Amino acid sequence: MAGKKMGDRNSGAEAGYDEPAATPAPVQSAPAPSGISDDSIARLKQLAELRDQGVLTDEEFNAEKQKVLGGA
């Protein structure tokens, strides 16, 4: 292999074998902010849906959100 640089690699065909394809890393969802449980997130989503449907006012939503987040 005279004339080849140290970093050069043979292709799989030249070396007589096929290199395995790289396996992509699994996709993970972003973790919830520290201190917020899955139940709290579900409750906040439910409250947001009720607000979006007009069942709760913005003020009611914010008050309930503070309760869920431990601010009240």
C-alpha atoms as a PDB file:
ATOM      1  CA  MET A   1       0.000   0.000   0.000  1.00  0.00           C
ATOM      2  CA  ALA A   2       2.782   2.337  -0.827  1.00  0.00           C
ATOM      3  CA  GLY A   3       1.733   5.884  -1.515  1.00  0.00           C
ATOM      4  CA  LYS A   4      -1.400   5.766   0.669  1.00  0.00           C
ATOM      5  CA  LYS A   5      -1.756   8.145   3.556  1.00  0.00           C
ATOM      6  CA  MET A   6      -2.170   6.824   7.062  1.00  0.00           C
ATOM      7  CA  GLY A   7      -5.822   7.965   7.224  1.00  0.00           C
ATOM      8  CA  ASP A   8      -6.832   6.349   3.917  1.00  0.00           C
ATOM      9  CA  ARG A   9      -9.115   3.310   4.188  1.00  0.00           C
ATOM     10  CA  ASN A  10      -9.869   0.580   1.746  1.00  0.00           C
ATOM     11  CA  SER A  11     -13.471   0.281   0.655  1.00  0.00           C
ATOM     12  CA  GLY A  12     -15.281  -2.888   1.650  1.00  0.00           C
ATOM     13  CA  ALA A  13     -14.964  -4.224  -1.904  1.00  0.00           C
ATOM     14  CA  GLU A  14     -11.184  -3.740  -1.923  1.00  0.00           C
ATOM     15  CA  ALA A  15     -10.765  -5.408   1.446  1.00  0.00           C
ATOM     16  CA  GLY A  16     -12.978  -8.347   0.437  1.00  0.00           C
ATOM     17  CA  TYR A  17     -15.846  -7.697   2.847  1.00  0.00           C
ATOM     18  CA  ASP A  18     -18.734  -5.315   3.316  1.00  0.00           C
ATOM     19  CA  GLU A  19     -18.738  -2.988   6.277  1.00  0.00           C
ATOM     20  CA  PRO A  20     -21.955  -3.023   8.316  1.00  0.00           C
ATOM     21  CA  ALA A  21     -24.173  -0.007   7.872  1.00  0.00           C
ATOM     22  CA  ALA A  22     -24.232   2.458  10.739  1.00  0.00           C
ATOM     23  CA  THR A  23     -27.275   2.089  12.958  1.00  0.00           C
ATOM     24  CA  PRO A  24     -29.002   5.408  13.676  1.00  0.00           C
ATOM     25  CA  ALA A  25     -29.463   6.345  17.303  1.00  0.00           C
ATOM     26  CA  PRO A  26     -33.023   5.961  18.623  1.00  0.00           C
ATOM     27  CA  VAL A  27     -35.045   9.157  18.712  1.00  0.00           C
ATOM     28  CA  GLN A  28     -36.047  10.193  22.198  1.00  0.00           C
ATOM     29  CA  SER A  29     -38.512  12.863  23.182  1.00  0.00           C
ATOM     30  CA  ALA A  30     -37.225  15.778  25.169  1.00  0.00           C
ATOM     31  CA  PRO A  31     -37.419  15.174  28.910  1.00  0.00           C
ATOM     32  CA  ALA A  32     -39.908  17.135  30.944  1.00  0.00           C
ATOM     33  CA  PRO A  33     -38.454  20.061  32.874  1.00  0.00           C
ATOM     34  CA  SER A  34     -37.091  19.021  36.239  1.00  0.00           C
ATOM     35  CA  GLY A  35     -39.729  18.707  38.949  1.00  0.00           C
ATOM     36  CA  ILE A  36     -42.771  18.362  36.671  1.00  0.00           C
ATOM     37  CA  SER A  37     -44.415  14.945  36.761  1.00  0.00           C
ATOM     38  CA  ASP A  38     -46.177  13.219  33.879  1.00  0.00           C
ATOM     39  CA  ASP A  39     -49.457  13.685  35.772  1.00  0.00           C
ATOM     40  CA  SER A  40     -48.849  17.424  36.007  1.00  0.00           C
ATOM     41  CA  ILE A  41     -48.131  17.640  32.289  1.00  0.00           C
ATOM     42  CA  ALA A  42     -51.319  15.708  31.494  1.00  0.00           C
ATOM     43  CA  ARG A  43     -53.323  18.019  33.763  1.00  0.00           C
ATOM     44  CA  LEU A  44     -51.840  21.131  32.142  1.00  0.00           C
ATOM     45  CA  LYS A  45     -52.726  19.788  28.696  1.00  0.00           C
ATOM     46  CA  GLN A  46     -56.269  19.103  29.875  1.00  0.00           C
ATOM     47  CA  LEU A  47     -56.566  22.619  31.291  1.00  0.00           C
ATOM     48  CA  ALA A  48     -55.228  24.110  28.038  1.00  0.00           C
ATOM     49  CA  GLU A  49     -57.837  22.172  26.044  1.00  0.00           C
ATOM     50  CA  LEU A  50     -60.599  23.466  28.307  1.00  0.00           C
ATOM     51  CA  ARG A  51     -59.308  27.017  27.881  1.00  0.00           C
ATOM     52  CA  ASP A  52     -59.088  26.591  24.103  1.00  0.00           C
ATOM     53  CA  GLN A  53     -62.680  25.303  24.051  1.00  0.00           C
ATOM     54  CA  GLY A  54     -63.856  28.353  25.979  1.00  0.00           C
ATOM     55  CA  VAL A  55     -64.755  26.383  29.110  1.00  0.00           C
ATOM     56  CA  LEU A  56     -62.102  28.205  31.173  1.00  0.00           C
ATOM     57  CA  THR A  57     -61.137  31.857  30.985  1.00  0.00           C
ATOM     58  CA  ASP A  58     -57.461  32.798  30.780  1.00  0.00           C
ATOM     59  CA  GLU A  59     -57.619  33.845  34.433  1.00  0.00           C
ATOM     60  CA  GLU A  60     -59.115  30.504  35.502  1.00  0.00           C
ATOM     61  CA  PHE A  61     -56.551  28.632  33.426  1.00  0.00           C
ATOM     62  CA  ASN A  62     -53.658  30.569  34.957  1.00  0.00           C
ATOM     63  CA  ALA A  63     -54.987  30.020  38.496  1.00  0.00           C
ATOM     64  CA  GLU A  64     -55.328  26.283  37.938  1.00  0.00           C
ATOM     65  CA  LYS A  65     -51.923  26.137  36.253  1.00  0.00           C
ATOM     66  CA  GLN A  66     -50.324  27.714  39.311  1.00  0.00           C
ATOM     67  CA  LYS A  67     -51.988  25.095  41.522  1.00  0.00           C
ATOM     68  CA  VAL A  68     -50.630  22.280  39.340  1.00  0.00           C
ATOM     69  CA  LEU A  69     -47.148  23.793  39.329  1.00  0.00           C
ATOM     70  CA  GLY A  70     -47.223  24.243  43.101  1.00  0.00           C
ATOM     71  CA  GLY A  71     -47.350  28.021  43.063  1.00  0.00           C
ATOM     72  CA  ALA A  72     -50.617  28.332  44.959  1.00  0.00           C
END
